[in-house]
Amino acid sequence: MNFEDMDKAWNQALEEFFAQAGLKPRQIVVLGCSTSEVMGQHIGKASSEEVAEALLPLLLAKVRARELYLAIQACEHLNRALVVEEACVEQYGLDAVTVVPSLLAGGSMAVKAWQNYQAPMMVETIRGHAGIDVGDTFIGMHLRPVVVPIRPSIKSIGHAHLTMARTRPRLIGGPRAMYPVV
């Protein structure tokens, strides 16, 4: 694994994501990341603390600079619960759950988030405003409707497929309805 190339790709992908996502302060970005997939292994089979340590600090810095909340999806062994800051729980009235992510139940990225957040908490569900999926972890269940794809020039991080999305309000009405550009 060439971490220097991965860092460059990750930085470029994040720049494109934030340029296209149209996020406002205190909105929620959901991250799903299989560090196993980044390393070229089967999802959930080779959790890599090195990959989490390489990817999380840059994302956290960019999120914090924009005053956003970052929700990190844990693996299926925690039913894809998410690590969030306590401030996010309070602002959005989320229901916290009692569990601490581990390498075998949550994954490396959730563990690193738990260690690096100021006041980490776990929640079962969230309705994020945008999301980043590294390794096909399927974060869609944690995004608001309607999801709109972001098409970055970077298609993978390491060996993992990269997908990004933003959300927009539903368009309601009928043939007479008028809509602003969203």
C-alpha atoms as a PDB file:
ATOM      1  CA  MET A   1       0.000   0.000   0.000  1.00  0.00           C
ATOM      2  CA  ASN A   2       1.437   3.348  -1.057  1.00  0.00           C
ATOM      3  CA  PHE A   3       0.206   5.704   1.659  1.00  0.00           C
ATOM      4  CA  GLU A   4       1.619   8.804  -0.049  1.00  0.00           C
ATOM      5  CA  ASP A   5      -0.488   8.200  -3.173  1.00  0.00           C
ATOM      6  CA  MET A   6      -3.493   7.367  -1.001  1.00  0.00           C
ATOM      7  CA  ASP A   7      -3.095  10.633   0.946  1.00  0.00           C
ATOM      8  CA  LYS A   8      -2.980  12.671  -2.269  1.00  0.00           C
ATOM      9  CA  ALA A   9      -6.066  10.923  -3.673  1.00  0.00           C
ATOM     10  CA  TRP A  10      -7.931  11.340  -0.379  1.00  0.00           C
ATOM     11  CA  ASN A  11      -7.119  15.047  -0.172  1.00  0.00           C
ATOM     12  CA  GLN A  12      -8.240  15.648  -3.770  1.00  0.00           C
ATOM     13  CA  ALA A  13     -11.432  13.622  -3.268  1.00  0.00           C
ATOM     14  CA  LEU A  14     -12.280  15.588  -0.127  1.00  0.00           C
ATOM     15  CA  GLU A  15     -11.654  18.929  -1.833  1.00  0.00           C
ATOM     16  CA  GLU A  16     -14.023  17.915  -4.643  1.00  0.00           C
ATOM     17  CA  PHE A  17     -16.580  16.614  -2.153  1.00  0.00           C
ATOM     18  CA  PHE A  18     -16.715  19.821  -0.124  1.00  0.00           C
ATOM     19  CA  ALA A  19     -16.737  21.977  -3.269  1.00  0.00           C
ATOM     20  CA  GLN A  20     -19.825  20.140  -4.555  1.00  0.00           C
ATOM     21  CA  ALA A  21     -21.705  19.210  -1.372  1.00  0.00           C
ATOM     22  CA  GLY A  22     -22.942  22.724  -0.545  1.00  0.00           C
ATOM     23  CA  LEU A  23     -22.873  22.124   3.198  1.00  0.00           C
ATOM     24  CA  LYS A  24     -23.686  24.713   5.858  1.00  0.00           C
ATOM     25  CA  PRO A  25     -22.230  24.882   9.381  1.00  0.00           C
ATOM     26  CA  ARG A  26     -23.605  22.293  11.811  1.00  0.00           C
ATOM     27  CA  GLN A  27     -24.802  19.973   9.065  1.00  0.00           C
ATOM     28  CA  ILE A  28     -23.869  16.292   9.162  1.00  0.00           C
ATOM     29  CA  VAL A  29     -21.411  14.408   6.962  1.00  0.00           C
ATOM     30  CA  VAL A  30     -21.635  10.613   7.189  1.00  0.00           C
ATOM     31  CA  LEU A  31     -18.522   8.523   6.544  1.00  0.00           C
ATOM     32  CA  GLY A  32     -18.566   4.805   5.921  1.00  0.00           C
ATOM     33  CA  CYS A  33     -15.097   3.372   5.423  1.00  0.00           C
ATOM     34  CA  SER A  34     -13.896  -0.195   5.133  1.00  0.00           C
ATOM     35  CA  THR A  35     -10.204  -0.027   5.903  1.00  0.00           C
ATOM     36  CA  SER A  36     -10.063  -3.686   4.821  1.00  0.00           C
ATOM     37  CA  GLU A  37     -11.240  -2.724   1.332  1.00  0.00           C
ATOM     38  CA  VAL A  38      -8.722   0.132   1.197  1.00  0.00           C
ATOM     39  CA  MET A  39      -6.017  -2.480   1.827  1.00  0.00           C
ATOM     40  CA  GLY A  40      -7.403  -4.716  -0.937  1.00  0.00           C
ATOM     41  CA  GLN A  41      -8.980  -7.243   1.419  1.00  0.00           C
ATOM     42  CA  HIS A  42     -12.582  -8.395   1.842  1.00  0.00           C
ATOM     43  CA  ILE A  43     -14.748  -5.961   3.812  1.00  0.00           C
ATOM     44  CA  GLY A  44     -14.627  -6.673   7.541  1.00  0.00           C
ATOM     45  CA  LYS A  45     -11.756  -9.147   7.322  1.00  0.00           C
ATOM     46  CA  ALA A  46      -8.583  -7.054   7.721  1.00  0.00           C
ATOM     47  CA  SER A  47      -9.359  -3.903   9.683  1.00  0.00           C
ATOM     48  CA  SER A  48      -6.394  -1.548   9.428  1.00  0.00           C
ATOM     49  CA  GLU A  49      -5.579   0.970  12.128  1.00  0.00           C
ATOM     50  CA  GLU A  50      -2.873   2.388   9.821  1.00  0.00           C
ATOM     51  CA  VAL A  51      -5.435   3.267   7.168  1.00  0.00           C
ATOM     52  CA  ALA A  52      -7.760   4.846   9.741  1.00  0.00           C
ATOM     53  CA  GLU A  53      -4.834   6.857  11.136  1.00  0.00           C
ATOM     54  CA  ALA A  54      -4.000   8.004   7.607  1.00  0.00           C
ATOM     55  CA  LEU A  55      -7.531   9.003   6.528  1.00  0.00           C
ATOM     56  CA  LEU A  56      -9.285  10.332   9.629  1.00  0.00           C
ATOM     57  CA  PRO A  57      -7.089  13.336  10.610  1.00  0.00           C
ATOM     58  CA  LEU A  58      -7.418  15.070   7.238  1.00  0.00           C
ATOM     59  CA  LEU A  59     -11.176  14.536   7.114  1.00  0.00           C
ATOM     60  CA  LEU A  60     -11.602  15.712  10.700  1.00  0.00           C
ATOM     61  CA  ALA A  61      -9.576  18.856   9.986  1.00  0.00           C
ATOM     62  CA  LYS A  62     -11.691  19.689   6.932  1.00  0.00           C
ATOM     63  CA  VAL A  63     -14.955  18.994   8.763  1.00  0.00           C
ATOM     64  CA  ARG A  64     -13.959  21.046  11.807  1.00  0.00           C
ATOM     65  CA  ALA A  65     -12.758  23.958   9.635  1.00  0.00           C
ATOM     66  CA  ARG A  66     -16.268  24.071   8.127  1.00  0.00           C
ATOM     67  CA  GLU A  67     -17.986  23.658  11.526  1.00  0.00           C
ATOM     68  CA  LEU A  68     -19.676  20.425  10.428  1.00  0.00           C
ATOM     69  CA  TYR A  69     -20.505  17.279  12.342  1.00  0.00           C
ATOM     70  CA  LEU A  70     -18.885  14.009  11.253  1.00  0.00           C
ATOM     71  CA  ALA A  71     -20.802  10.770  11.828  1.00  0.00           C
ATOM     72  CA  ILE A  72     -18.654   7.669  11.347  1.00  0.00           C
ATOM     73  CA  GLN A  73     -20.587   4.520  10.544  1.00  0.00           C
ATOM     74  CA  ALA A  74     -19.462   1.411  12.394  1.00  0.00           C
ATOM     75  CA  CYS A  75     -19.581  -1.987  10.748  1.00  0.00           C
ATOM     76  CA  GLU A  76     -22.524  -4.349  10.589  1.00  0.00           C
ATOM     77  CA  HIS A  77     -21.517  -6.015  13.887  1.00  0.00           C
ATOM     78  CA  LEU A  78     -22.832  -2.864  15.568  1.00  0.00           C
ATOM     79  CA  ASN A  79     -25.765  -2.671  13.146  1.00  0.00           C
ATOM     80  CA  ARG A  80     -24.052   0.262  11.426  1.00  0.00           C
ATOM     81  CA  ALA A  81     -24.434   2.513  14.471  1.00  0.00           C
ATOM     82  CA  LEU A  82     -22.477   5.771  14.228  1.00  0.00           C
ATOM     83  CA  VAL A  83     -19.877   7.606  16.279  1.00  0.00           C
ATOM     84  CA  VAL A  84     -20.796  11.278  16.671  1.00  0.00           C
ATOM     85  CA  GLU A  85     -19.890  14.178  18.905  1.00  0.00           C
ATOM     86  CA  GLU A  86     -22.157  14.805  21.890  1.00  0.00           C
ATOM     87  CA  ALA A  87     -22.917  18.273  20.455  1.00  0.00           C
ATOM     88  CA  CYS A  88     -24.432  16.606  17.371  1.00  0.00           C
ATOM     89  CA  VAL A  89     -26.609  14.386  19.573  1.00  0.00           C
ATOM     90  CA  GLU A  90     -27.824  17.441  21.460  1.00  0.00           C
ATOM     91  CA  GLN A  91     -28.431  19.657  18.406  1.00  0.00           C
ATOM     92  CA  TYR A  92     -30.372  17.031  16.449  1.00  0.00           C
ATOM     93  CA  GLY A  93     -32.120  15.338  19.394  1.00  0.00           C
ATOM     94  CA  LEU A  94     -30.565  11.960  18.586  1.00  0.00           C
ATOM     95  CA  ASP A  95     -31.018   8.893  20.753  1.00  0.00           C
ATOM     96  CA  ALA A  96     -27.696   7.658  22.096  1.00  0.00           C
ATOM     97  CA  VAL A  97     -26.960   3.961  22.528  1.00  0.00           C
ATOM     98  CA  THR A  98     -24.515   2.303  24.879  1.00  0.00           C
ATOM     99  CA  VAL A  99     -21.642   0.614  23.105  1.00  0.00           C
ATOM    100  CA  VAL A 100     -17.981   1.327  22.435  1.00  0.00           C
ATOM    101  CA  PRO A 101     -16.620   0.375  19.011  1.00  0.00           C
ATOM    102  CA  SER A 102     -13.752  -2.104  18.796  1.00  0.00           C
ATOM    103  CA  LEU A 103     -11.690  -3.443  15.906  1.00  0.00           C
ATOM    104  CA  LEU A 104     -13.898  -6.540  15.630  1.00  0.00           C
ATOM    105  CA  ALA A 105     -17.205  -4.775  16.295  1.00  0.00           C
ATOM    106  CA  GLY A 106     -17.199  -1.349  14.760  1.00  0.00           C
ATOM    107  CA  GLY A 107     -13.981  -1.288  12.774  1.00  0.00           C
ATOM    108  CA  SER A 108     -10.825   0.801  12.721  1.00  0.00           C
ATOM    109  CA  MET A 109     -12.390   4.035  11.562  1.00  0.00           C
ATOM    110  CA  ALA A 110     -15.049   3.977  14.306  1.00  0.00           C
ATOM    111  CA  VAL A 111     -12.379   3.153  16.905  1.00  0.00           C
ATOM    112  CA  LYS A 112     -10.175   6.039  15.738  1.00  0.00           C
ATOM    113  CA  ALA A 113     -13.157   8.409  15.751  1.00  0.00           C
ATOM    114  CA  TRP A 114     -14.020   7.302  19.300  1.00  0.00           C
ATOM    115  CA  GLN A 115     -10.424   8.041  20.343  1.00  0.00           C
ATOM    116  CA  ASN A 116     -10.206  11.409  18.546  1.00  0.00           C
ATOM    117  CA  TYR A 117     -13.592  13.003  19.203  1.00  0.00           C
ATOM    118  CA  GLN A 118     -13.908  15.473  22.062  1.00  0.00           C
ATOM    119  CA  ALA A 119     -17.028  13.824  23.531  1.00  0.00           C
ATOM    120  CA  PRO A 120     -17.858  10.704  21.487  1.00  0.00           C
ATOM    121  CA  MET A 121     -21.258   9.057  21.610  1.00  0.00           C
ATOM    122  CA  MET A 122     -22.911   6.298  19.605  1.00  0.00           C
ATOM    123  CA  VAL A 123     -26.287   6.584  17.876  1.00  0.00           C
ATOM    124  CA  GLU A 124     -28.243   3.991  15.909  1.00  0.00           C
ATOM    125  CA  THR A 125     -29.557   6.301  13.244  1.00  0.00           C
ATOM    126  CA  ILE A 126     -28.919   9.726  11.793  1.00  0.00           C
ATOM    127  CA  ARG A 127     -30.102  11.734   8.796  1.00  0.00           C
ATOM    128  CA  GLY A 128     -26.937  13.146   7.264  1.00  0.00           C
ATOM    129  CA  HIS A 129     -26.825  15.968   4.755  1.00  0.00           C
ATOM    130  CA  ALA A 130     -24.008  14.413   2.710  1.00  0.00           C
ATOM    131  CA  GLY A 131     -21.871  11.306   2.767  1.00  0.00           C
ATOM    132  CA  ILE A 132     -18.658   9.627   1.757  1.00  0.00           C
ATOM    133  CA  ASP A 133     -18.531   5.857   1.270  1.00  0.00           C
ATOM    134  CA  VAL A 134     -15.123   4.214   0.990  1.00  0.00           C
ATOM    135  CA  GLY A 135     -15.360   0.514   0.204  1.00  0.00           C
ATOM    136  CA  ASP A 136     -19.094   0.086  -0.453  1.00  0.00           C
ATOM    137  CA  THR A 137     -20.198   0.202   3.182  1.00  0.00           C
ATOM    138  CA  PHE A 138     -23.678   1.401   2.134  1.00  0.00           C
ATOM    139  CA  ILE A 139     -24.226   4.598   4.096  1.00  0.00           C
ATOM    140  CA  GLY A 140     -27.489   5.420   2.311  1.00  0.00           C
ATOM    141  CA  MET A 141     -29.554   4.356   5.310  1.00  0.00           C
ATOM    142  CA  HIS A 142     -28.057   7.327   7.172  1.00  0.00           C
ATOM    143  CA  LEU A 143     -28.692  10.036   4.568  1.00  0.00           C
ATOM    144  CA  ARG A 144     -31.717  12.285   4.187  1.00  0.00           C
ATOM    145  CA  PRO A 145     -33.851  11.882   1.124  1.00  0.00           C
ATOM    146  CA  VAL A 146     -33.255  12.862  -1.699  1.00  0.00           C
ATOM    147  CA  VAL A 147     -29.699  11.629  -2.343  1.00  0.00           C
ATOM    148  CA  VAL A 148     -27.810  13.191  -5.251  1.00  0.00           C
ATOM    149  CA  PRO A 149     -24.511  11.633  -6.368  1.00  0.00           C
ATOM    150  CA  ILE A 150     -21.291  13.619  -6.338  1.00  0.00           C
ATOM    151  CA  ARG A 151     -18.953  12.394  -9.058  1.00  0.00           C
ATOM    152  CA  PRO A 152     -15.365  12.958  -7.943  1.00  0.00           C
ATOM    153  CA  SER A 153     -12.468  12.517 -10.340  1.00  0.00           C
ATOM    154  CA  ILE A 154     -10.974  10.104  -7.782  1.00  0.00           C
ATOM    155  CA  LYS A 155     -12.773   6.759  -8.069  1.00  0.00           C
ATOM    156  CA  SER A 156     -10.979   4.812  -5.350  1.00  0.00           C
ATOM    157  CA  ILE A 157      -8.984   5.202  -2.155  1.00  0.00           C
ATOM    158  CA  GLY A 158      -6.354   2.522  -2.071  1.00  0.00           C
ATOM    159  CA  HIS A 159      -8.216  -0.494  -3.448  1.00  0.00           C
ATOM    160  CA  ALA A 160     -11.623   0.662  -2.180  1.00  0.00           C
ATOM    161  CA  HIS A 161     -14.370   2.012  -4.425  1.00  0.00           C
ATOM    162  CA  LEU A 162     -15.272   5.635  -3.562  1.00  0.00           C
ATOM    163  CA  THR A 163     -18.836   6.964  -3.647  1.00  0.00           C
ATOM    164  CA  MET A 164     -19.982  10.415  -2.539  1.00  0.00           C
ATOM    165  CA  ALA A 165     -23.374  12.070  -2.240  1.00  0.00           C
ATOM    166  CA  ARG A 166     -25.209  15.140  -1.087  1.00  0.00           C
ATOM    167  CA  THR A 167     -28.883  15.476  -0.325  1.00  0.00           C
ATOM    168  CA  ARG A 168     -31.542  17.967  -1.333  1.00  0.00           C
ATOM    169  CA  PRO A 169     -35.108  18.634  -0.212  1.00  0.00           C
ATOM    170  CA  ARG A 170     -37.855  16.632  -1.918  1.00  0.00           C
ATOM    171  CA  LEU A 171     -39.557  18.305  -4.862  1.00  0.00           C
ATOM    172  CA  ILE A 172     -43.279  18.195  -4.132  1.00  0.00           C
ATOM    173  CA  GLY A 173     -46.310  19.284  -6.091  1.00  0.00           C
ATOM    174  CA  GLY A 174     -47.556  18.473  -9.516  1.00  0.00           C
ATOM    175  CA  PRO A 175     -47.429  19.769 -13.093  1.00  0.00           C
ATOM    176  CA  ARG A 176     -48.138  23.349 -11.966  1.00  0.00           C
ATOM    177  CA  ALA A 177     -45.380  23.399  -9.329  1.00  0.00           C
ATOM    178  CA  MET A 178     -42.357  25.650  -9.752  1.00  0.00           C
ATOM    179  CA  TYR A 179     -38.983  24.849  -8.202  1.00  0.00           C
ATOM    180  CA  PRO A 180     -35.827  26.822  -7.443  1.00  0.00           C
ATOM    181  CA  VAL A 181     -32.582  25.354  -8.754  1.00  0.00           C
ATOM    182  CA  VAL A 182     -31.318  22.821  -6.163  1.00  0.00           C
END
